Amino acid sequence: MTTDFVTKCCYIMGGLQCENGLLYHVSNGDPALLEGASLQCPGCDGRGVTLTPLAKQFIVFLQTHGRPFLRELIQDIMEEQT
């Protein structure tokens, strides 16, 4: 699955690989669900996808410009109601 904002997690390290957010141990080409440790992938926090650079830029934009705008809009609405 690939869109403009997310891409499939491709975490592979030390015989472990991510499949839909869960860690699998790969031996002899056969993946087996990891047991006795954290099952969630540390690369995608168990989501199975990671953010693209475009998505990261969009989040920064929303935090920089969207949050202050929404905060002011909500304050104006609350003032009008009182």
Protein backbone atom coordinates (compact mmCIF):
# COMPACT_ATOMS: atom_id res chain seq x y z
CA MET A 1 0.00 0.00 0.00
CA THR A 2 1.49 3.33 -1.05
CA THR A 3 -0.15 6.73 -1.12
CA ASP A 4 1.21 10.25 -0.98
CA PHE A 5 1.24 10.16 2.81
CA VAL A 6 2.03 6.59 3.91
CA THR A 7 4.10 3.69 2.65
CA LYS A 8 4.25 0.05 3.74
CA CYS A 9 6.71 -0.56 6.57
CA CYS A 10 9.84 -2.35 5.36
CA TYR A 11 11.50 -2.95 8.74
CA ILE A 12 14.02 -5.80 8.57
CA MET A 13 16.73 -6.26 11.21
CA GLY A 14 18.53 -9.20 12.78
CA GLY A 15 16.28 -11.89 11.31
CA LEU A 16 13.11 -9.97 12.17
CA GLN A 17 10.77 -8.37 9.69
CA CYS A 18 7.57 -6.35 9.90
CA GLU A 19 4.38 -7.68 8.41
CA ASN A 20 1.33 -5.47 8.94
CA GLY A 21 2.84 -4.00 12.11
CA LEU A 22 3.78 -7.31 13.77
CA LEU A 23 7.30 -8.71 14.02
CA TYR A 24 8.05 -12.06 12.45
CA HIS A 25 11.20 -14.13 12.86
CA VAL A 26 12.45 -15.37 9.50
CA SER A 27 14.41 -18.61 9.42
CA ASN A 28 14.84 -20.83 6.38
CA GLY A 29 12.58 -18.46 4.45
CA ASP A 30 9.54 -19.25 6.61
CA PRO A 31 8.25 -16.33 8.68
CA ALA A 32 7.00 -17.16 12.18
CA LEU A 33 5.30 -14.72 14.54
CA LEU A 34 7.75 -13.52 17.18
CA GLU A 35 6.92 -14.76 20.69
CA GLY A 36 8.14 -13.78 24.14
CA ALA A 37 9.00 -10.20 23.21
CA SER A 38 7.32 -7.10 21.89
CA LEU A 39 5.20 -8.09 18.92
CA GLN A 40 4.82 -4.56 17.59
CA CYS A 41 7.28 -3.32 15.02
CA PRO A 42 9.46 -0.48 16.38
CA GLY A 43 9.71 1.06 12.92
CA CYS A 44 6.00 1.71 12.48
CA ASP A 45 4.73 1.31 16.07
CA GLY A 46 2.48 -1.57 15.03
CA ARG A 47 0.66 0.34 12.29
CA GLY A 48 2.20 -1.45 9.32
CA VAL A 49 2.84 1.83 7.52
CA THR A 50 5.25 4.74 7.88
CA LEU A 51 4.87 8.40 6.99
CA THR A 52 6.39 9.71 3.79
CA PRO A 53 8.45 12.92 3.76
CA LEU A 54 5.44 14.72 2.26
CA ALA A 55 3.26 13.61 5.19
CA LYS A 56 5.88 14.78 7.69
CA GLN A 57 6.01 18.20 6.00
CA PHE A 58 2.19 18.39 6.08
CA ILE A 59 2.14 17.62 9.82
CA VAL A 60 4.69 20.36 10.47
CA PHE A 61 2.56 22.77 8.41
CA LEU A 62 -0.57 21.89 10.38
CA GLN A 63 1.22 22.31 13.71
CA THR A 64 2.70 25.64 12.63
CA HIS A 65 -0.29 27.22 10.90
CA GLY A 66 -3.38 25.09 11.46
CA ARG A 67 -3.26 24.80 15.25
CA PRO A 68 -3.02 28.57 15.93
CA PHE A 69 -5.78 29.26 13.39
CA LEU A 70 -8.10 26.66 14.93
CA ARG A 71 -7.33 27.84 18.46
CA GLU A 72 -8.26 31.42 17.53
CA LEU A 73 -11.40 30.28 15.70
CA ILE A 74 -12.57 28.26 18.71
CA GLN A 75 -11.88 31.15 21.09
CA ASP A 76 -13.94 33.46 18.87
CA ILE A 77 -16.83 30.98 18.84
CA MET A 78 -16.69 30.57 22.63
CA GLU A 79 -16.68 34.36 23.10
CA GLU A 80 -19.71 34.73 20.85
CA GLN A 81 -21.65 32.13 22.85
CA THR A 82 -21.10 33.90 26.17
